[in-house]
PDB file of N, CA and C in Angstrom:
ATOM      1  N   MET A   1     154.977 -14.561 -65.879  1.00  0.00           N
ATOM      2  CA  MET A   1     154.763 -14.689 -67.330  1.00  0.00           C
ATOM      3  C   MET A   1     156.086 -15.464 -67.980  1.00  0.00           C
ATOM      4  N   LEU A   2     157.140 -14.991 -67.271  1.00  0.00           N
ATOM      5  CA  LEU A   2     158.405 -15.656 -67.838  1.00  0.00           C
ATOM      6  C   LEU A   2     158.258 -17.267 -67.622  1.00  0.00           C
ATOM      7  N   ASP A   3     157.689 -17.736 -66.409  1.00  0.00           N
ATOM      8  CA  ASP A   3     157.674 -19.123 -66.269  1.00  0.00           C
ATOM      9  C   ASP A   3     156.824 -19.766 -67.319  1.00  0.00           C
ATOM     10  N   ARG A   4     155.637 -19.204 -67.607  1.00  0.00           N
ATOM     11  CA  ARG A   4     154.651 -19.540 -68.630  1.00  0.00           C
ATOM     12  C   ARG A   4     155.437 -19.676 -70.051  1.00  0.00           C
ATOM     13  N   ALA A   5     156.159 -18.725 -70.296  1.00  0.00           N
ATOM     14  CA  ALA A   5     156.983 -18.562 -71.573  1.00  0.00           C
ATOM     15  C   ALA A   5     157.868 -19.624 -71.653  1.00  0.00           C
ATOM     16  N   ARG A   6     158.572 -20.008 -70.517  1.00  0.00           N
ATOM     17  CA  ARG A   6     159.657 -20.911 -70.632  1.00  0.00           C
ATOM     18  C   ARG A   6     159.069 -22.273 -70.835  1.00  0.00           C
ATOM     19  N   ARG A   7     157.806 -22.670 -70.239  1.00  0.00           N
ATOM     20  CA  ARG A   7     157.173 -23.871 -70.426  1.00  0.00           C
ATOM     21  C   ARG A   7     156.763 -24.249 -71.777  1.00  0.00           C
ATOM     22  N   ARG A   8     156.604 -23.229 -72.653  1.00  0.00           N
ATOM     23  CA  ARG A   8     156.154 -23.478 -73.850  1.00  0.00           C
ATOM     24  C   ARG A   8     157.498 -23.960 -74.750  1.00  0.00           C
ATOM     25  N   ARG A   9     157.482 -25.164 -75.232  1.00  0.00           N
ATOM     26  CA  ARG A   9     158.634 -25.544 -75.881  1.00  0.00           C
ATOM     27  C   ARG A   9     158.976 -24.895 -77.164  1.00  0.00           C
ATOM     28  N   GLY A  10     160.337 -24.254 -77.129  1.00  0.00           N
ATOM     29  CA  GLY A  10     160.704 -23.631 -78.334  1.00  0.00           C
ATOM     30  C   GLY A  10     160.388 -22.174 -78.421  1.00  0.00           C
ATOM     31  N   THR A  11     160.044 -21.680 -77.302  1.00  0.00           N
ATOM     32  CA  THR A  11     159.531 -20.288 -77.186  1.00  0.00           C
ATOM     33  C   THR A  11     160.784 -19.307 -77.252  1.00  0.00           C
ATOM     34  N   GLY A  12     161.617 -19.453 -76.348  1.00  0.00           N
ATOM     35  CA  GLY A  12     162.753 -18.547 -76.327  1.00  0.00           C
ATOM     36  C   GLY A  12     163.502 -18.740 -74.955  1.00  0.00           C
ATOM     37  N   ARG A  13     164.659 -18.139 -74.899  1.00  0.00           N
ATOM     38  CA  ARG A  13     165.546 -18.257 -73.633  1.00  0.00           C
ATOM     39  C   ARG A  13     166.483 -17.266 -73.762  1.00  0.00           C
ATOM     40  N   PRO A  14     166.828 -16.635 -72.526  1.00  0.00           N
ATOM     41  CA  PRO A  14     168.084 -15.781 -72.330  1.00  0.00           C
ATOM     42  C   PRO A  14     169.217 -16.588 -71.907  1.00  0.00           C
ATOM     43  N   ARG A  15     170.466 -16.123 -72.310  1.00  0.00           N
ATOM     44  CA  ARG A  15     171.578 -16.810 -71.875  1.00  0.00           C
ATOM     45  C   ARG A  15     172.653 -15.661 -71.397  1.00  0.00           C
ATOM     46  N   LEU A  16     172.865 -15.825 -70.056  1.00  0.00           N
ATOM     47  CA  LEU A  16     174.074 -15.004 -69.646  1.00  0.00           C
ATOM     48  C   LEU A  16     175.259 -15.688 -69.871  1.00  0.00           C
ATOM     49  N   ARG A  17     176.112 -15.296 -70.664  1.00  0.00           N
ATOM     50  CA  ARG A  17     177.382 -15.978 -70.926  1.00  0.00           C
ATOM     51  C   ARG A  17     178.583 -15.484 -70.181  1.00  0.00           C
ATOM     52  N   ARG A  18     179.568 -16.398 -70.099  1.00  0.00           N
ATOM     53  CA  ARG A  18     180.825 -15.790 -69.496  1.00  0.00           C
ATOM     54  C   ARG A  18     181.189 -14.611 -70.437  1.00  0.00           C
ATOM     55  N   PRO A  19     181.683 -13.637 -69.935  1.00  0.00           N
ATOM     56  CA  PRO A  19     182.175 -12.488 -70.549  1.00  0.00           C
ATOM     57  C   PRO A  19     182.915 -12.533 -71.867  1.00  0.00           C
ATOM     58  N   VAL A  20     182.373 -12.212 -72.910  1.00  0.00           N
ATOM     59  CA  VAL A  20     183.365 -12.321 -74.147  1.00  0.00           C
ATOM     60  C   VAL A  20     184.402 -11.144 -73.971  1.00  0.00           C
ATOM     61  N   SER A  21     183.946  -9.939 -73.386  1.00  0.00           N
ATOM     62  CA  SER A  21     184.792  -8.911 -73.015  1.00  0.00           C
ATOM     63  C   SER A  21     185.750  -9.003 -72.008  1.00  0.00           C
ATOM     64  N   ARG A  22     185.523  -9.959 -71.241  1.00  0.00           N
ATOM     65  CA  ARG A  22     186.562 -10.516 -70.238  1.00  0.00           C
ATOM     66  C   ARG A  22     186.779  -9.324 -69.059  1.00  0.00           C
ATOM     67  N   GLN A  23     185.682  -8.360 -69.017  1.00  0.00           N
ATOM     68  CA  GLN A  23     185.825  -7.125 -68.111  1.00  0.00           C
ATOM     69  C   GLN A  23     184.916  -7.552 -66.901  1.00  0.00           C
ATOM     70  N   GLU A  24     185.555  -7.114 -65.767  1.00  0.00           N
ATOM     71  CA  GLU A  24     184.754  -7.332 -64.580  1.00  0.00           C
ATOM     72  C   GLU A  24     183.524  -6.455 -64.556  1.00  0.00           C
ATOM     73  N   GLY A  25     182.472  -7.140 -64.044  1.00  0.00           N
ATOM     74  CA  GLY A  25     181.164  -6.496 -63.956  1.00  0.00           C
ATOM     75  C   GLY A  25     180.331  -6.522 -65.320  1.00  0.00           C
ATOM     76  N   VAL A  26     180.924  -7.012 -66.407  1.00  0.00           N
ATOM     77  CA  VAL A  26     180.344  -6.978 -67.734  1.00  0.00           C
ATOM     78  C   VAL A  26     179.813  -8.456 -67.921  1.00  0.00           C
ATOM     79  N   VAL A  27     178.386  -8.547 -68.232  1.00  0.00           N
ATOM     80  CA  VAL A  27     177.809  -9.799 -68.641  1.00  0.00           C
ATOM     81  C   VAL A  27     177.366  -9.674 -70.143  1.00  0.00           C
ATOM     82  N   ASP A  28     177.605 -10.719 -70.897  1.00  0.00           N
ATOM     83  CA  ASP A  28     177.035 -10.696 -72.297  1.00  0.00           C
ATOM     84  C   ASP A  28     175.774 -11.429 -72.435  1.00  0.00           C
ATOM     85  N   LEU A  29     174.909 -10.991 -73.146  1.00  0.00           N
ATOM     86  CA  LEU A  29     173.543 -11.605 -73.294  1.00  0.00           C
ATOM     87  C   LEU A  29     173.350 -12.205 -74.670  1.00  0.00           C
ATOM     88  N   GLY A  30     172.994 -13.445 -74.667  1.00  0.00           N
ATOM     89  CA  GLY A  30     172.562 -14.162 -75.863  1.00  0.00           C
ATOM     90  C   GLY A  30     170.924 -14.356 -75.747  1.00  0.00           C
ATOM     91  N   LEU A  31     170.301 -13.897 -76.792  1.00  0.00           N
ATOM     92  CA  LEU A  31     168.704 -14.031 -76.662  1.00  0.00           C
ATOM     93  C   LEU A  31     168.260 -14.546 -77.913  1.00  0.00           C
ATOM     94  N   GLN A  32     167.373 -15.577 -77.705  1.00  0.00           N
ATOM     95  CA  GLN A  32     166.765 -16.172 -78.925  1.00  0.00           C
ATOM     96  C   GLN A  32     165.201 -16.452 -78.658  1.00  0.00           C
ATOM     97  N   VAL A  33     164.436 -16.118 -79.578  1.00  0.00           N
ATOM     98  CA  VAL A  33     163.061 -16.319 -79.439  1.00  0.00           C
ATOM     99  C   VAL A  33     162.656 -17.037 -80.831  1.00  0.00           C
ATOM    100  N   ALA A  34     161.867 -17.953 -80.760  1.00  0.00           N
ATOM    101  CA  ALA A  34     161.410 -18.841 -81.901  1.00  0.00           C
ATOM    102  C   ALA A  34     160.712 -17.714 -82.911  1.00  0.00           C
ATOM    103  N   ASP A  35     160.865 -18.121 -84.160  1.00  0.00           N
ATOM    104  CA  ASP A  35     160.270 -17.162 -85.167  1.00  0.00           C
ATOM    105  C   ASP A  35     158.830 -16.961 -85.058  1.00  0.00           C
ATOM    106  N   ALA A  36     158.213 -18.144 -84.747  1.00  0.00           N
ATOM    107  CA  ALA A  36     156.652 -18.250 -84.532  1.00  0.00           C
ATOM    108  C   ALA A  36     156.223 -17.381 -83.348  1.00  0.00           C
ATOM    109  N   ARG A  37     156.995 -17.095 -82.335  1.00  0.00           N
ATOM    110  CA  ARG A  37     156.779 -16.382 -81.084  1.00  0.00           C
ATOM    111  C   ARG A  37     157.261 -14.963 -80.983  1.00  0.00           C
ATOM    112  N   GLN A  38     157.811 -14.558 -82.053  1.00  0.00           N
ATOM    113  CA  GLN A  38     158.400 -13.201 -82.039  1.00  0.00           C
ATOM    114  C   GLN A  38     157.252 -12.210 -82.207  1.00  0.00           C
ATOM    115  N   ARG A  39     157.517 -11.039 -81.717  1.00  0.00           N
ATOM    116  CA  ARG A  39     156.591  -9.772 -81.698  1.00  0.00           C
ATOM    117  C   ARG A  39     155.480 -10.011 -80.730  1.00  0.00           C
ATOM    118  N   GLN A  40     155.690 -10.865 -79.591  1.00  0.00           N
ATOM    119  CA  GLN A  40     154.597 -10.945 -78.675  1.00  0.00           C
ATOM    120  C   GLN A  40     155.145 -10.649 -77.305  1.00  0.00           C
ATOM    121  N   GLY A  41     156.271 -10.021 -77.199  1.00  0.00           N
ATOM    122  CA  GLY A  41     156.603  -9.466 -75.881  1.00  0.00           C
ATOM    123  C   GLY A  41     157.665 -10.568 -75.113  1.00  0.00           C
ATOM    124  N   ILE A  42     157.870 -11.589 -75.684  1.00  0.00           N
ATOM    125  CA  ILE A  42     158.594 -12.579 -74.986  1.00  0.00           C
ATOM    126  C   ILE A  42     160.077 -12.243 -74.938  1.00  0.00           C
ATOM    127  N   GLY A  43     160.586 -11.699 -75.976  1.00  0.00           N
ATOM    128  CA  GLY A  43     162.031 -11.268 -75.943  1.00  0.00           C
ATOM    129  C   GLY A  43     162.178 -10.141 -74.931  1.00  0.00           C
ATOM    130  N   THR A  44     161.280  -9.183 -74.783  1.00  0.00           N
ATOM    131  CA  THR A  44     161.127  -8.263 -73.695  1.00  0.00           C
ATOM    132  C   THR A  44     161.405  -8.777 -72.324  1.00  0.00           C
ATOM    133  N   ILE A  45     160.489  -9.775 -72.092  1.00  0.00           N
ATOM    134  CA  ILE A  45     160.476 -10.494 -70.835  1.00  0.00           C
ATOM    135  C   ILE A  45     161.721 -11.140 -70.570  1.00  0.00           C
ATOM    136  N   LEU A  46     162.273 -11.838 -71.520  1.00  0.00           N
ATOM    137  CA  LEU A  46     163.480 -12.526 -71.364  1.00  0.00           C
ATOM    138  C   LEU A  46     164.602 -11.656 -71.102  1.00  0.00           C
ATOM    139  N   ALA A  47     164.747 -10.412 -71.838  1.00  0.00           N
ATOM    140  CA  ALA A  47     165.876  -9.507 -71.716  1.00  0.00           C
ATOM    141  C   ALA A  47     165.656  -8.874 -70.286  1.00  0.00           C
ATOM    142  N   ARG A  48     164.597  -8.613 -69.900  1.00  0.00           N
ATOM    143  CA  ARG A  48     164.417  -8.058 -68.525  1.00  0.00           C
ATOM    144  C   ARG A  48     164.879  -8.910 -67.442  1.00  0.00           C
ATOM    145  N   HIS A  49     164.481 -10.092 -67.436  1.00  0.00           N
ATOM    146  CA  HIS A  49     164.855 -11.234 -66.638  1.00  0.00           C
ATOM    147  C   HIS A  49     166.424 -11.376 -66.669  1.00  0.00           C
ATOM    148  N   ALA A  50     167.070 -11.425 -67.769  1.00  0.00           N
ATOM    149  CA  ALA A  50     168.527 -11.454 -67.889  1.00  0.00           C
ATOM    150  C   ALA A  50     169.165 -10.368 -67.283  1.00  0.00           C
ATOM    151  N   ALA A  51     168.641  -9.142 -67.448  1.00  0.00           N
ATOM    152  CA  ALA A  51     169.263  -7.965 -66.862  1.00  0.00           C
ATOM    153  C   ALA A  51     169.159  -8.032 -65.340  1.00  0.00           C
ATOM    154  N   ASP A  52     167.830  -8.360 -64.840  1.00  0.00           N
ATOM    155  CA  ASP A  52     167.683  -8.626 -63.390  1.00  0.00           C
ATOM    156  C   ASP A  52     168.727  -9.642 -62.807  1.00  0.00           C
ATOM    157  N   ALA A  53     169.066 -10.836 -63.715  1.00  0.00           N
ATOM    158  CA  ALA A  53     169.892 -11.746 -63.034  1.00  0.00           C
ATOM    159  C   ALA A  53     171.267 -11.336 -63.074  1.00  0.00           C
ATOM    160  N   ALA A  54     171.623 -10.501 -64.178  1.00  0.00           N
ATOM    161  CA  ALA A  54     172.922  -9.921 -64.285  1.00  0.00           C
ATOM    162  C   ALA A  54     173.212  -8.926 -63.045  1.00  0.00           C
ATOM    163  N   ARG A  55     172.217  -8.073 -62.717  1.00  0.00           N
ATOM    164  CA  ARG A  55     172.248  -7.182 -61.603  1.00  0.00           C
ATOM    165  C   ARG A  55     172.571  -7.965 -60.382  1.00  0.00           C
ATOM    166  N   SER A  56     171.770  -8.997 -60.101  1.00  0.00           N
ATOM    167  CA  SER A  56     171.873  -9.861 -59.003  1.00  0.00           C
ATOM    168  C   SER A  56     173.326 -10.418 -58.741  1.00  0.00           C
ATOM    169  N   ARG A  57     173.885 -10.581 -59.757  1.00  0.00           N
ATOM    170  CA  ARG A  57     175.289 -11.137 -59.911  1.00  0.00           C
ATOM    171  C   ARG A  57     176.429 -10.154 -59.778  1.00  0.00           C
ATOM    172  N   GLY A  58     175.794  -8.793 -59.468  1.00  0.00           N
ATOM    173  CA  GLY A  58     176.834  -7.785 -59.296  1.00  0.00           C
ATOM    174  C   GLY A  58     177.392  -7.089 -60.601  1.00  0.00           C
ATOM    175  N   ALA A  59     176.759  -7.475 -61.712  1.00  0.00           N
ATOM    176  CA  ALA A  59     177.255  -6.826 -63.049  1.00  0.00           C
ATOM    177  C   ALA A  59     176.712  -5.443 -63.052  1.00  0.00           C
ATOM    178  N   HIS A  60     177.518  -4.548 -63.751  1.00  0.00           N
ATOM    179  CA  HIS A  60     177.087  -3.060 -63.887  1.00  0.00           C
ATOM    180  C   HIS A  60     176.819  -2.903 -65.361  1.00  0.00           C
ATOM    181  N   THR A  61     177.110  -3.735 -66.417  1.00  0.00           N
ATOM    182  CA  THR A  61     176.927  -3.651 -67.768  1.00  0.00           C
ATOM    183  C   THR A  61     176.502  -4.895 -68.303  1.00  0.00           C
ATOM    184  N   LEU A  62     175.441  -4.893 -69.165  1.00  0.00           N
ATOM    185  CA  LEU A  62     175.013  -6.047 -69.977  1.00  0.00           C
ATOM    186  C   LEU A  62     175.420  -5.570 -71.459  1.00  0.00           C
ATOM    187  N   THR A  63     176.031  -6.557 -72.075  1.00  0.00           N
ATOM    188  CA  THR A  63     176.321  -6.291 -73.617  1.00  0.00           C
ATOM    189  C   THR A  63     175.633  -7.313 -74.533  1.00  0.00           C
ATOM    190  N   ALA A  64     175.449  -6.933 -75.667  1.00  0.00           N
ATOM    191  CA  ALA A  64     174.790  -7.818 -76.664  1.00  0.00           C
ATOM    192  C   ALA A  64     175.465  -7.269 -78.090  1.00  0.00           C
ATOM    193  N   TYR A  65     175.517  -8.288 -78.898  1.00  0.00           N
ATOM    194  CA  TYR A  65     176.208  -8.128 -80.222  1.00  0.00           C
ATOM    195  C   TYR A  65     175.130  -8.617 -81.232  1.00  0.00           C
ATOM    196  N   THR A  66     174.763  -7.787 -82.105  1.00  0.00           N
ATOM    197  CA  THR A  66     173.702  -8.224 -83.039  1.00  0.00           C
ATOM    198  C   THR A  66     173.909  -7.404 -84.291  1.00  0.00           C
ATOM    199  N   GLN A  67     173.102  -7.864 -85.288  1.00  0.00           N
ATOM    200  CA  GLN A  67     173.020  -7.132 -86.689  1.00  0.00           C
ATOM    201  C   GLN A  67     172.368  -5.955 -86.473  1.00  0.00           C
ATOM    202  N   ALA A  68     172.896  -4.702 -87.154  1.00  0.00           N
ATOM    203  CA  ALA A  68     172.372  -3.359 -86.971  1.00  0.00           C
ATOM    204  C   ALA A  68     170.881  -3.452 -87.470  1.00  0.00           C
ATOM    205  N   SER A  69     170.717  -4.358 -88.371  1.00  0.00           N
ATOM    206  CA  SER A  69     169.262  -4.361 -89.076  1.00  0.00           C
ATOM    207  C   SER A  69     168.273  -4.862 -87.983  1.00  0.00           C
ATOM    208  N   HIS A  70     168.598  -5.513 -86.882  1.00  0.00           N
ATOM    209  CA  HIS A  70     167.712  -6.039 -85.926  1.00  0.00           C
ATOM    210  C   HIS A  70     167.208  -4.987 -85.102  1.00  0.00           C
ATOM    211  N   THR A  71     166.564  -4.074 -85.557  1.00  0.00           N
ATOM    212  CA  THR A  71     166.021  -2.847 -84.865  1.00  0.00           C
ATOM    213  C   THR A  71     165.151  -3.383 -83.611  1.00  0.00           C
ATOM    214  N   ALA A  72     164.354  -4.394 -83.761  1.00  0.00           N
ATOM    215  CA  ALA A  72     163.398  -4.814 -82.581  1.00  0.00           C
ATOM    216  C   ALA A  72     164.274  -5.070 -81.402  1.00  0.00           C
ATOM    217  N   VAL A  73     165.350  -5.933 -81.687  1.00  0.00           N
ATOM    218  CA  VAL A  73     166.315  -6.229 -80.403  1.00  0.00           C
ATOM    219  C   VAL A  73     167.169  -4.992 -79.891  1.00  0.00           C
ATOM    220  N   ILE A  74     167.360  -4.147 -80.798  1.00  0.00           N
ATOM    221  CA  ILE A  74     168.020  -2.951 -80.371  1.00  0.00           C
ATOM    222  C   ILE A  74     167.265  -2.139 -79.380  1.00  0.00           C
ATOM    223  N   ARG A  75     165.817  -1.924 -79.709  1.00  0.00           N
ATOM    224  CA  ARG A  75     164.771  -1.235 -79.128  1.00  0.00           C
ATOM    225  C   ARG A  75     164.709  -1.866 -77.715  1.00  0.00           C
ATOM    226  N   ILE A  76     164.612  -3.301 -77.664  1.00  0.00           N
ATOM    227  CA  ILE A  76     164.543  -3.807 -76.296  1.00  0.00           C
ATOM    228  C   ILE A  76     165.627  -3.738 -75.395  1.00  0.00           C
ATOM    229  N   LEU A  77     166.870  -3.705 -75.931  1.00  0.00           N
ATOM    230  CA  LEU A  77     168.178  -3.362 -75.127  1.00  0.00           C
ATOM    231  C   LEU A  77     168.006  -2.037 -74.587  1.00  0.00           C
ATOM    232  N   ASP A  78     167.671  -1.117 -75.504  1.00  0.00           N
ATOM    233  CA  ASP A  78     167.643   0.310 -75.036  1.00  0.00           C
ATOM    234  C   ASP A  78     166.600   0.602 -74.090  1.00  0.00           C
ATOM    235  N   ARG A  79     165.654  -0.198 -73.893  1.00  0.00           N
ATOM    236  CA  ARG A  79     164.561   0.069 -72.747  1.00  0.00           C
ATOM    237  C   ARG A  79     165.281  -0.693 -71.456  1.00  0.00           C
ATOM    238  N   LEU A  80     166.152  -1.328 -71.413  1.00  0.00           N
ATOM    239  CA  LEU A  80     166.692  -1.960 -70.235  1.00  0.00           C
ATOM    240  C   LEU A  80     167.431  -0.881 -69.421  1.00  0.00           C
ATOM    241  N   GLY A  81     167.882   0.167 -69.985  1.00  0.00           N
ATOM    242  CA  GLY A  81     168.683   1.084 -69.279  1.00  0.00           C
ATOM    243  C   GLY A  81     169.427   2.004 -70.264  1.00  0.00           C
ATOM    244  N   PRO A  82     170.147   3.001 -69.750  1.00  0.00           N
ATOM    245  CA  PRO A  82     170.891   3.832 -70.686  1.00  0.00           C
ATOM    246  C   PRO A  82     171.844   2.948 -71.486  1.00  0.00           C
ATOM    247  N   ALA A  83     171.879   3.259 -72.769  1.00  0.00           N
ATOM    248  CA  ALA A  83     172.632   2.233 -73.711  1.00  0.00           C
ATOM    249  C   ALA A  83     173.611   2.986 -74.620  1.00  0.00           C
ATOM    250  N   ARG A  84     174.692   2.516 -74.771  1.00  0.00           N
ATOM    251  CA  ARG A  84     175.753   2.947 -75.637  1.00  0.00           C
ATOM    252  C   ARG A  84     175.816   1.972 -76.804  1.00  0.00           C
ATOM    253  N   HIS A  85     175.840   2.497 -78.009  1.00  0.00           N
ATOM    254  CA  HIS A  85     175.933   1.529 -79.264  1.00  0.00           C
ATOM    255  C   HIS A  85     177.381   1.779 -79.837  1.00  0.00           C
ATOM    256  N   VAL A  86     178.145   0.724 -80.235  1.00  0.00           N
ATOM    257  CA  VAL A  86     179.221   0.678 -80.912  1.00  0.00           C
ATOM    258  C   VAL A  86     179.105  -0.025 -82.299  1.00  0.00           C
ATOM    259  N   ARG A  87     179.181   0.671 -83.404  1.00  0.00           N
ATOM    260  CA  ARG A  87     178.945  -0.025 -84.634  1.00  0.00           C
ATOM    261  C   ARG A  87     180.248  -0.674 -85.153  1.00  0.00           C
ATOM    262  N   ASP A  88     179.916  -1.867 -85.654  1.00  0.00           N
ATOM    263  CA  ASP A  88     181.025  -2.599 -86.290  1.00  0.00           C
ATOM    264  C   ASP A  88     180.550  -3.279 -87.541  1.00  0.00           C
ATOM    265  N   GLY A  89     180.609  -2.260 -88.639  1.00  0.00           N
ATOM    266  CA  GLY A  89     180.086  -2.785 -90.036  1.00  0.00           C
ATOM    267  C   GLY A  89     178.679  -3.024 -89.917  1.00  0.00           C
ATOM    268  N   PRO A  90     178.228  -4.205 -90.344  1.00  0.00           N
ATOM    269  CA  PRO A  90     176.788  -4.391 -90.319  1.00  0.00           C
ATOM    270  C   PRO A  90     176.190  -4.860 -88.888  1.00  0.00           C
ATOM    271  N   TYR A  91     177.084  -4.759 -88.077  1.00  0.00           N
ATOM    272  CA  TYR A  91     176.812  -5.296 -86.513  1.00  0.00           C
ATOM    273  C   TYR A  91     176.773  -4.072 -85.668  1.00  0.00           C
ATOM    274  N   VAL A  92     176.294  -4.284 -84.523  1.00  0.00           N
ATOM    275  CA  VAL A  92     176.263  -3.331 -83.393  1.00  0.00           C
ATOM    276  C   VAL A  92     176.370  -3.941 -82.093  1.00  0.00           C
ATOM    277  N   GLU A  93     177.413  -3.496 -81.317  1.00  0.00           N
ATOM    278  CA  GLU A  93     177.448  -3.991 -80.048  1.00  0.00           C
ATOM    279  C   GLU A  93     176.886  -2.977 -79.055  1.00  0.00           C
ATOM    280  N   VAL A  94     175.792  -3.498 -78.183  1.00  0.00           N
ATOM    281  CA  VAL A  94     175.025  -2.450 -77.376  1.00  0.00           C
ATOM    282  C   VAL A  94     175.555  -2.760 -76.000  1.00  0.00           C
ATOM    283  N   HIS A  95     175.868  -1.589 -75.175  1.00  0.00           N
ATOM    284  CA  HIS A  95     176.346  -1.849 -73.858  1.00  0.00           C
ATOM    285  C   HIS A  95     175.218  -1.024 -73.017  1.00  0.00           C
ATOM    286  N   VAL A  96     174.633  -1.797 -72.105  1.00  0.00           N
ATOM    287  CA  VAL A  96     173.448  -1.283 -71.287  1.00  0.00           C
ATOM    288  C   VAL A  96     174.067  -1.223 -69.889  1.00  0.00           C
ATOM    289  N   ALA A  97     173.951   0.090 -69.461  1.00  0.00           N
ATOM    290  CA  ALA A  97     174.214   0.458 -68.008  1.00  0.00           C
ATOM    291  C   ALA A  97     173.223  -0.199 -67.082  1.00  0.00           C
ATOM    292  N   LEU A  98     173.533  -1.128 -66.350  1.00  0.00           N
ATOM    293  CA  LEU A  98     172.675  -1.755 -65.260  1.00  0.00           C
ATOM    294  C   LEU A  98     172.596  -0.897 -63.921  1.00  0.00           C
ATOM    295  N   ASP A  99     173.647  -0.058 -63.688  1.00  0.00           N
ATOM    296  CA  ASP A  99     174.057   0.580 -62.454  1.00  0.00           C
ATOM    297  C   ASP A  99     174.352   2.108 -62.693  1.00  0.00           C
ATOM    298  N   PRO A 100     173.898   3.024 -62.004  1.00  0.00           N
ATOM    299  CA  PRO A 100     174.139   4.314 -62.128  1.00  0.00           C
ATOM    300  C   PRO A 100     175.651   4.732 -62.367  1.00  0.00           C
ATOM    301  N   ASN A 101     176.422   3.892 -61.664  1.00  0.00           N
ATOM    302  CA  ASN A 101     177.915   4.229 -61.747  1.00  0.00           C
ATOM    303  C   ASN A 101     178.635   3.336 -62.714  1.00  0.00           C
ATOM    304  N   SER A 102     177.782   2.705 -63.735  1.00  0.00           N
ATOM    305  CA  SER A 102     178.407   1.988 -64.734  1.00  0.00           C
ATOM    306  C   SER A 102     179.475   2.829 -65.548  1.00  0.00           C
ATOM    307  N   PRO A 103     180.660   2.162 -65.816  1.00  0.00           N
ATOM    308  CA  PRO A 103     181.552   2.942 -66.709  1.00  0.00           C
ATOM    309  C   PRO A 103     180.962   2.981 -68.156  1.00  0.00           C
ATOM    310  N   ASP A 104     180.033   2.006 -68.452  1.00  0.00           N
ATOM    311  CA  ASP A 104     179.551   2.171 -69.808  1.00  0.00           C
ATOM    312  C   ASP A 104     178.251   3.053 -69.831  1.00  0.00           C
ATOM    313  N   ARG A 105     177.917   3.783 -68.827  1.00  0.00           N
ATOM    314  CA  ARG A 105     176.828   4.806 -68.860  1.00  0.00           C
ATOM    315  C   ARG A 105     177.134   5.679 -69.904  1.00  0.00           C
ATOM    316  N   PRO A 106     176.097   6.003 -70.864  1.00  0.00           N
ATOM    317  CA  PRO A 106     176.487   7.141 -71.921  1.00  0.00           C
ATOM    318  C   PRO A 106     176.914   8.475 -71.234  1.00  0.00           C
ATOM    319  N   GLY A 107     177.889   9.104 -71.726  1.00  0.00           N
ATOM    320  CA  GLY A 107     178.406  10.185 -71.254  1.00  0.00           C
ATOM    321  C   GLY A 107     179.466  10.131 -70.054  1.00  0.00           C
ATOM    322  N   SER A 108     179.763   8.947 -69.656  1.00  0.00           N
ATOM    323  CA  SER A 108     180.782   8.803 -68.586  1.00  0.00           C
ATOM    324  C   SER A 108     182.132   8.788 -69.354  1.00  0.00           C
ATOM    325  N   PRO A 109     183.166   9.306 -68.583  1.00  0.00           N
ATOM    326  CA  PRO A 109     184.392   9.352 -69.159  1.00  0.00           C
ATOM    327  C   PRO A 109     185.025   8.038 -69.569  1.00  0.00           C
ATOM    328  N   GLN A 110     184.680   6.814 -68.971  1.00  0.00           N
ATOM    329  CA  GLN A 110     185.059   5.726 -69.457  1.00  0.00           C
ATOM    330  C   GLN A 110     184.521   5.156 -70.737  1.00  0.00           C
ATOM    331  N   ALA A 111     183.146   5.492 -70.908  1.00  0.00           N
ATOM    332  CA  ALA A 111     182.387   5.217 -72.124  1.00  0.00           C
ATOM    333  C   ALA A 111     183.069   5.938 -73.292  1.00  0.00           C
ATOM    334  N   ALA A 112     183.425   7.108 -73.004  1.00  0.00           N
ATOM    335  CA  ALA A 112     184.091   7.970 -74.136  1.00  0.00           C
ATOM    336  C   ALA A 112     185.408   7.265 -74.735  1.00  0.00           C
ATOM    337  N   THR A 113     186.215   6.625 -73.856  1.00  0.00           N
ATOM    338  CA  THR A 113     187.411   6.121 -74.260  1.00  0.00           C
ATOM    339  C   THR A 113     187.184   4.672 -74.722  1.00  0.00           C
ATOM    340  N   GLY A 114     186.045   3.983 -74.356  1.00  0.00           N
ATOM    341  CA  GLY A 114     185.990   2.594 -74.776  1.00  0.00           C
ATOM    342  C   GLY A 114     185.509   2.319 -76.091  1.00  0.00           C
TER     343      GLY A 114
END
């Protein structure tokens, strides 16, 4: 389904960015879906694909920074794995633990200090 979604021009795309956080094992996600294609499951497919790609690169954490009002995006990220949210005014940074040993896993000692 991802290949079919990618073939449609302007549908959407995930981007794994060089880490903004500059932390080893942390990959930042940029996700964009065309307005006309939203609420069709495309963002979920793209986010899952990005999480799988990050895991295959050895990442333990996927992060995304979005407006706190973008609840659909936050729900998608929360479904990828255990997530920790850090509020920054009208924005939220979501840390998704891709690995059971991730320091960003909610409840881990490292997450409490980060």
